[in-house]
Amino acid sequence: MSIAFRVCVAACALLSVPVSSVAHSGARPIQHVIISFDGAHDLAQWQRSRTLAARTGARFTYFLSCVFLLSKETRREYHAPGKGAGKSNVGFAQSKEEVAARLAQIRLARSEGHEIASHGCGHFDGKNWSKADWLNEFASFSTILRDAYAINGIAREPADWRKFAETEISGFRAPYLSTSKALYAALSEAKFAYDASGVSRGPAEPEGAGGVTRFALPQISEGPASRRVIAMDYNLFVRHSGGLERAGEAAAFETRALEAFRAAFEVQYSGERVPLQIGFHFTLMNGGAYWRALERFAEEICVKRDVECLSHEAWLGRNRAEPAKTEPGLGG
């Protein structure tokens, strides 16, 4: 993050008012849709998401877990607060070669305009961590990302890699969306531009607090009873099948997820055009039902000329550095 960008984020956030993407000139604002992926593990899903982006013009946020940049041999480089060295809730990469392939995917995604952000490292629930614990976790992420080539003995580290690792990680999402006062204090001290760990009743404008912009995944109506669920694949998985695989019903689950995404989008597209946020993982749940729903959704809406599917970082750039982009005369 540049110093100017951080100052702007802090100044706006301290006002404790919503950061609006809606223009008040009478023109219809662009509808923003922010799609993100937690963990960023499976290599096939890296490629699949990037292919979807190329097909639709979307740009995504990848919340990376840094343990996937460590192999079984190098896992002790990570030491989580209150845990033994080399411990992780989500495992590690299987080999040096896997780490190298993931680093290549990160570089490709970055070159294509996607955002790499932090999901911490070991995917532990930090609700009881202190501010110092969180700062330790952030430091682990930064060090492991920066030194990933050297730690794993991978040759030909790109010349710009360390600069990227040290200056371009501006956002964070907590594992399990588990937040606390200590986390927010640590985020502010660590100079993150934004946190994306919140949950809101419905789509909500990001808000500034303590120098950090807070994004929230919305609860959206879903299913025959239109009950609210967090707009995330894992929450749909739990809603539909109790978190157990029922691949035989994948088509029905795909339809339900797609209909929920469409309905949530239409409310904003036809109304105030508050940004719609959707969260995903690189895990295929219920036979890949939710990924197929996401692909169909993105193919429908990201190609509209008055819709922009963008990263959290890009949203901040649009709304901090310049007036809201609008398309006069477009219906919604």
Protein backbone atom coordinates (compact mmCIF):
# COMPACT_ATOMS: atom_id res chain seq x y z
CA MET A 1 0.00 0.00 0.00
CA SER A 2 1.24 3.50 -0.78
CA ILE A 3 1.45 6.03 2.05
CA ALA A 4 -1.07 8.23 0.25
CA PHE A 5 -3.53 5.35 -0.08
CA ARG A 6 -3.21 4.49 3.62
CA VAL A 7 -3.70 8.11 4.66
CA CYS A 8 -6.84 8.34 2.52
CA VAL A 9 -8.22 5.11 3.95
CA ALA A 10 -7.52 6.25 7.49
CA ALA A 11 -8.97 9.72 7.04
CA CYS A 12 -12.19 8.43 5.54
CA ALA A 13 -12.53 5.61 8.04
CA LEU A 14 -12.16 7.85 11.07
CA LEU A 15 -15.32 9.64 10.00
CA SER A 16 -17.18 6.39 10.85
CA VAL A 17 -19.58 6.78 7.96
CA PRO A 18 -20.38 4.40 5.10
CA VAL A 19 -18.09 4.52 2.11
CA SER A 20 -20.73 4.90 -0.57
CA SER A 21 -20.39 3.72 -4.15
CA VAL A 22 -23.66 5.42 -5.08
CA ALA A 23 -23.56 8.70 -6.98
CA HIS A 24 -26.23 11.26 -6.14
CA SER A 25 -26.23 13.08 -9.47
CA GLY A 26 -29.26 11.23 -10.79
CA ALA A 27 -27.20 8.84 -12.90
CA ARG A 28 -27.42 5.14 -12.13
CA PRO A 29 -24.24 3.91 -10.42
CA ILE A 30 -22.37 0.88 -11.62
CA GLN A 31 -23.44 -2.25 -9.76
CA HIS A 32 -20.40 -3.71 -8.06
CA VAL A 33 -20.09 -7.43 -7.29
CA ILE A 34 -17.15 -8.61 -5.17
CA ILE A 35 -16.32 -12.31 -5.43
CA SER A 36 -13.60 -13.81 -3.26
CA PHE A 37 -11.97 -17.15 -2.50
CA ASP A 38 -10.71 -18.23 0.93
CA GLY A 39 -7.65 -20.42 1.37
CA ALA A 40 -6.63 -20.45 -2.32
CA HIS A 41 -5.29 -24.00 -2.11
CA ASP A 42 -6.24 -26.37 -4.93
CA LEU A 43 -4.27 -25.77 -8.09
CA ALA A 44 -7.08 -26.85 -10.40
CA GLN A 45 -9.40 -24.29 -8.79
CA TRP A 46 -6.79 -21.56 -9.30
CA GLN A 47 -6.89 -22.32 -13.00
CA ARG A 48 -10.67 -22.69 -13.08
CA SER A 49 -11.25 -19.34 -11.39
CA ARG A 50 -8.79 -17.57 -13.65
CA THR A 51 -10.48 -19.10 -16.69
CA LEU A 52 -13.85 -17.86 -15.42
CA ALA A 53 -12.37 -14.38 -15.01
CA ALA A 54 -10.99 -14.41 -18.54
CA ARG A 55 -14.40 -15.45 -19.85
CA THR A 56 -16.40 -12.81 -17.99
CA GLY A 57 -14.04 -9.90 -17.31
CA ALA A 58 -14.32 -10.44 -13.54
CA ARG A 59 -11.47 -9.73 -11.15
CA PHE A 60 -11.34 -11.64 -7.86
CA THR A 61 -9.82 -11.44 -4.38
CA TYR A 62 -7.86 -14.50 -3.29
CA PHE A 63 -7.53 -14.70 0.51
CA LEU A 64 -4.44 -16.89 0.73
CA SER A 65 -3.58 -19.16 3.67
CA CYS A 66 0.20 -19.05 3.91
CA VAL A 67 0.58 -22.68 5.09
CA PHE A 68 -0.02 -23.66 1.47
CA LEU A 69 3.34 -22.06 0.69
CA LEU A 70 5.05 -24.54 3.03
CA SER A 71 5.64 -28.23 2.37
CA LYS A 72 5.81 -31.08 4.87
CA GLU A 73 9.57 -30.49 5.03
CA THR A 74 9.31 -26.74 5.70
CA ARG A 75 6.12 -26.62 7.78
CA ARG A 76 7.97 -25.79 11.00
CA GLU A 77 8.64 -22.33 9.58
CA TYR A 78 5.11 -21.56 10.79
CA HIS A 79 4.40 -21.28 14.50
CA ALA A 80 0.81 -20.28 15.32
CA PRO A 81 -0.07 -18.50 18.56
CA GLY A 82 -0.56 -21.06 21.32
CA LYS A 83 0.34 -23.99 19.05
CA GLY A 84 3.42 -26.06 18.39
CA ALA A 85 5.61 -25.28 15.39
CA GLY A 86 4.36 -26.88 12.18
CA LYS A 87 0.70 -27.11 13.24
CA SER A 88 -2.16 -26.13 10.93
CA ASN A 89 -5.91 -26.71 10.80
CA VAL A 90 -5.82 -27.09 7.01
CA GLY A 91 -2.55 -28.94 6.44
CA PHE A 92 0.31 -27.88 4.21
CA ALA A 93 1.42 -28.36 0.61
CA GLN A 94 2.45 -31.91 -0.20
CA SER A 95 5.72 -31.04 -1.87
CA LYS A 96 8.14 -28.35 -2.96
CA GLU A 97 6.82 -28.81 -6.52
CA GLU A 98 3.27 -28.06 -5.37
CA VAL A 99 4.43 -24.88 -3.66
CA ALA A 100 6.23 -23.81 -6.85
CA ALA A 101 3.08 -24.41 -8.91
CA ARG A 102 0.99 -22.38 -6.46
CA LEU A 103 3.47 -19.51 -6.52
CA ALA A 104 3.18 -19.54 -10.31
CA GLN A 105 -0.62 -19.32 -10.05
CA ILE A 106 -0.35 -16.40 -7.63
CA ARG A 107 1.92 -14.56 -10.04
CA LEU A 108 -0.39 -15.25 -12.99
CA ALA A 109 -3.45 -14.08 -11.06
CA ARG A 110 -1.68 -10.92 -9.96
CA SER A 111 -0.55 -10.19 -13.53
CA GLU A 112 -4.16 -10.55 -14.70
CA GLY A 113 -5.45 -7.93 -12.28
CA HIS A 114 -6.66 -10.09 -9.40
CA GLU A 115 -5.93 -9.31 -5.77
CA ILE A 116 -3.93 -11.45 -3.36
CA ALA A 117 -4.94 -10.84 0.26
CA SER A 118 -4.33 -12.53 3.61
CA HIS A 119 -6.34 -15.31 5.23
CA GLY A 120 -3.66 -15.69 7.88
CA CYS A 121 -1.77 -18.96 7.93
CA GLY A 122 -3.02 -22.00 9.84
CA HIS A 123 -6.77 -21.33 9.73
CA PHE A 124 -7.13 -21.29 13.50
CA ASP A 125 -10.05 -19.59 15.25
CA GLY A 126 -8.46 -16.50 16.77
CA LYS A 127 -11.46 -15.24 18.72
CA ASN A 128 -9.48 -15.51 21.98
CA TRP A 129 -6.15 -14.34 20.58
CA SER A 130 -4.60 -11.16 21.91
CA LYS A 131 -3.53 -8.24 19.76
CA ALA A 132 0.06 -9.53 20.05
CA ASP A 133 -1.07 -12.98 18.86
CA TRP A 134 -2.70 -11.49 15.79
CA LEU A 135 0.35 -9.38 15.02
CA ASN A 136 2.42 -12.57 15.24
CA GLU A 137 0.06 -14.27 12.76
CA PHE A 138 0.28 -11.33 10.37
CA ALA A 139 4.07 -11.36 10.63
CA SER A 140 4.14 -15.09 9.87
CA PHE A 141 2.05 -14.54 6.76
CA SER A 142 4.26 -11.69 5.55
CA THR A 143 7.52 -13.55 6.16
CA ILE A 144 6.39 -16.83 4.61
CA LEU A 145 4.95 -15.11 1.54
CA ARG A 146 8.07 -12.97 1.09
CA ASP A 147 10.53 -15.84 1.61
CA ALA A 148 8.51 -18.63 -0.01
CA TYR A 149 11.05 -19.29 -2.76
CA ALA A 150 14.03 -19.32 -0.39
CA ILE A 151 12.29 -21.34 2.35
CA ASN A 152 11.39 -24.10 -0.08
CA GLY A 153 14.60 -24.01 -2.11
CA ILE A 154 12.77 -22.97 -5.29
CA ALA A 155 15.07 -21.46 -7.89
CA ARG A 156 14.57 -18.33 -9.97
CA GLU A 157 12.68 -16.13 -7.54
CA PRO A 158 11.14 -13.31 -9.63
CA ALA A 159 12.87 -9.97 -9.23
CA ASP A 160 9.68 -8.23 -8.08
CA TRP A 161 8.44 -10.95 -5.72
CA ARG A 162 9.64 -9.46 -2.45
CA LYS A 163 8.34 -6.02 -3.31
CA PHE A 164 4.95 -7.55 -4.08
CA ALA A 165 4.90 -9.47 -0.78
CA GLU A 166 5.95 -6.47 1.26
CA THR A 167 3.76 -3.78 -0.31
CA GLU A 168 0.71 -5.24 -2.09
CA ILE A 169 -1.12 -7.20 0.63
CA SER A 170 -3.73 -4.72 1.83
CA GLY A 171 -6.66 -6.89 2.96
CA PHE A 172 -7.52 -9.65 5.42
CA ARG A 173 -10.31 -12.11 6.12
CA ALA A 174 -10.36 -14.03 9.39
CA PRO A 175 -10.76 -17.81 9.35
CA TYR A 176 -14.32 -18.77 10.33
CA LEU A 177 -15.16 -15.04 10.02
CA SER A 178 -14.20 -14.95 13.71
CA THR A 179 -13.49 -11.40 14.84
CA SER A 180 -12.68 -9.59 18.09
CA LYS A 181 -11.57 -6.22 19.40
CA ALA A 182 -8.02 -7.56 19.54
CA LEU A 183 -8.14 -8.45 15.83
CA TYR A 184 -9.37 -5.01 14.83
CA ALA A 185 -6.70 -3.34 16.96
CA ALA A 186 -4.03 -5.49 15.33
CA LEU A 187 -5.33 -4.82 11.81
CA SER A 188 -5.09 -1.09 12.46
CA GLU A 189 -1.56 -1.33 13.86
CA ALA A 190 -0.46 -3.55 10.97
CA LYS A 191 -1.76 -0.91 8.52
CA PHE A 192 -4.19 -3.13 6.64
CA ALA A 193 -6.47 -1.11 4.38
CA TYR A 194 -9.47 -3.36 4.91
CA ASP A 195 -10.95 -6.35 6.70
CA ALA A 196 -13.51 -8.62 5.01
CA SER A 197 -14.50 -10.75 8.01
CA GLY A 198 -17.87 -9.16 8.75
CA VAL A 199 -21.40 -10.46 8.25
CA SER A 200 -24.36 -8.17 7.59
CA ARG A 201 -28.14 -8.62 7.51
CA GLY A 202 -28.10 -7.95 3.76
CA PRO A 203 -25.76 -6.24 1.27
CA ALA A 204 -24.22 -3.26 3.05
CA GLU A 205 -21.90 -0.43 2.11
CA PRO A 206 -18.39 -0.97 3.52
CA GLU A 207 -17.72 1.21 6.54
CA GLY A 208 -14.56 2.76 7.95
CA ALA A 209 -13.55 2.20 11.57
CA GLY A 210 -10.19 2.77 13.24
CA GLY A 211 -8.45 3.40 9.95
CA VAL A 212 -9.59 0.10 8.41
CA THR A 213 -12.48 -0.29 5.96
CA ARG A 214 -14.77 -3.16 6.93
CA PHE A 215 -16.50 -5.29 4.31
CA ALA A 216 -19.25 -7.73 5.27
CA LEU A 217 -20.57 -10.84 3.57
CA PRO A 218 -24.34 -10.41 3.41
CA GLN A 219 -27.03 -12.79 4.53
CA ILE A 220 -29.24 -13.45 1.52
CA SER A 221 -32.62 -15.14 1.09
CA GLU A 222 -32.37 -18.77 -0.04
CA GLY A 223 -34.58 -21.78 -0.65
CA PRO A 224 -38.34 -22.35 -0.65
CA ALA A 225 -38.77 -20.60 2.71
CA SER A 226 -36.48 -17.68 1.74
CA ARG A 227 -34.49 -18.09 4.95
CA ARG A 228 -31.34 -16.01 5.18
CA VAL A 229 -27.91 -17.59 4.81
CA ILE A 230 -24.45 -16.06 4.55
CA ALA A 231 -23.56 -15.67 0.88
CA MET A 232 -20.78 -18.23 1.00
CA ASP A 233 -20.48 -21.72 -0.46
CA TYR A 234 -19.73 -23.39 2.88
CA ASN A 235 -22.83 -21.93 4.49
CA LEU A 236 -24.95 -23.16 1.60
CA PHE A 237 -23.33 -26.59 2.00
CA VAL A 238 -24.33 -26.69 5.66
CA ARG A 239 -27.83 -25.39 4.88
CA HIS A 240 -28.46 -27.92 2.12
CA SER A 241 -26.89 -31.09 3.47
CA GLY A 242 -25.68 -30.48 7.00
CA GLY A 243 -22.10 -30.24 5.77
CA LEU A 244 -22.20 -33.82 4.43
CA GLU A 245 -21.70 -34.70 0.78
CA ARG A 246 -24.92 -35.46 -1.11
CA ALA A 247 -23.63 -35.33 -4.67
CA GLY A 248 -26.76 -37.08 -5.94
CA GLU A 249 -28.69 -33.88 -5.21
CA ALA A 250 -26.07 -31.57 -6.70
CA ALA A 251 -28.32 -30.31 -9.50
CA ALA A 252 -30.99 -29.19 -7.04
CA PHE A 253 -28.41 -27.52 -4.78
CA GLU A 254 -26.86 -25.76 -7.78
CA THR A 255 -30.25 -24.39 -8.81
CA ARG A 256 -31.02 -23.16 -5.30
CA ALA A 257 -27.65 -21.43 -5.00
CA LEU A 258 -27.94 -19.80 -8.40
CA GLU A 259 -31.47 -18.58 -7.69
CA ALA A 260 -30.31 -17.09 -4.37
CA PHE A 261 -27.40 -15.27 -6.03
CA ARG A 262 -29.66 -13.97 -8.81
CA ALA A 263 -32.31 -12.73 -6.37
CA ALA A 264 -29.76 -10.97 -4.15
CA PHE A 265 -28.21 -9.34 -7.19
CA GLU A 266 -31.55 -8.22 -8.64
CA VAL A 267 -32.56 -6.46 -5.42
CA GLN A 268 -29.48 -4.25 -5.62
CA TYR A 269 -29.37 -3.93 -9.40
CA SER A 270 -32.97 -2.69 -9.45
CA GLY A 271 -32.57 -0.67 -6.28
CA GLU A 272 -29.79 1.23 -4.52
CA ARG A 273 -26.96 -0.74 -6.11
CA VAL A 274 -25.14 -1.50 -2.89
CA PRO A 275 -22.13 -3.76 -3.60
CA LEU A 276 -22.99 -7.47 -3.49
CA GLN A 277 -20.33 -9.69 -1.94
CA ILE A 278 -20.07 -13.46 -2.34
CA GLY A 279 -17.46 -15.72 -0.71
CA PHE A 280 -16.16 -19.07 -1.93
CA HIS A 281 -13.54 -21.68 -1.15
CA PHE A 282 -11.39 -23.84 -3.41
CA THR A 283 -13.21 -26.93 -2.13
CA LEU A 284 -15.87 -28.56 -4.28
CA MET A 285 -18.87 -29.22 -2.04
CA ASN A 286 -21.91 -31.32 -2.92
CA GLY A 287 -20.39 -32.46 -6.18
CA GLY A 288 -19.25 -28.98 -7.19
CA ALA A 289 -22.80 -27.58 -7.12
CA TYR A 290 -21.80 -24.17 -5.77
CA TRP A 291 -18.92 -23.60 -8.17
CA ARG A 292 -21.18 -24.36 -11.11
CA ALA A 293 -23.74 -21.92 -9.70
CA LEU A 294 -21.02 -19.28 -9.32
CA GLU A 295 -19.84 -19.77 -12.89
CA ARG A 296 -23.34 -19.44 -14.28
CA PHE A 297 -23.98 -16.37 -12.14
CA ALA A 298 -20.75 -14.64 -13.18
CA GLU A 299 -21.38 -15.46 -16.84
CA GLU A 300 -24.79 -13.77 -16.59
CA ILE A 301 -24.01 -10.64 -14.59
CA CYS A 302 -20.31 -9.77 -14.89
CA VAL A 303 -20.70 -9.17 -18.63
CA LYS A 304 -23.39 -6.48 -18.20
CA ARG A 305 -22.11 -3.03 -19.17
CA ASP A 306 -23.41 -1.44 -15.98
CA VAL A 307 -21.97 -4.16 -13.70
CA GLU A 308 -18.38 -4.54 -12.56
CA CYS A 309 -17.15 -7.72 -10.85
CA LEU A 310 -14.06 -6.56 -9.01
CA SER A 311 -11.80 -7.22 -6.05
CA HIS A 312 -12.01 -5.58 -2.63
CA GLU A 313 -8.82 -3.67 -3.36
CA ALA A 314 -10.22 -2.39 -6.67
CA TRP A 315 -13.47 -1.35 -4.98
CA LEU A 316 -11.47 0.71 -2.51
CA GLY A 317 -9.53 2.25 -5.37
CA ARG A 318 -12.73 3.21 -7.18
CA ASN A 319 -14.31 4.73 -4.10
CA ARG A 320 -11.29 6.35 -2.46
CA ALA A 321 -9.40 7.73 -5.41
CA GLU A 322 -12.14 8.83 -7.79
CA PRO A 323 -15.86 9.53 -8.00
CA ALA A 324 -18.25 6.61 -8.41
CA LYS A 325 -18.39 5.34 -11.99
CA THR A 326 -21.86 5.66 -13.48
CA GLU A 327 -23.75 4.81 -16.62
CA PRO A 328 -26.48 7.39 -17.38
CA GLY A 329 -29.76 6.10 -18.71
CA LEU A 330 -29.24 2.41 -17.93
CA GLY A 331 -32.20 0.72 -16.35
CA GLY A 332 -31.93 -1.33 -13.18
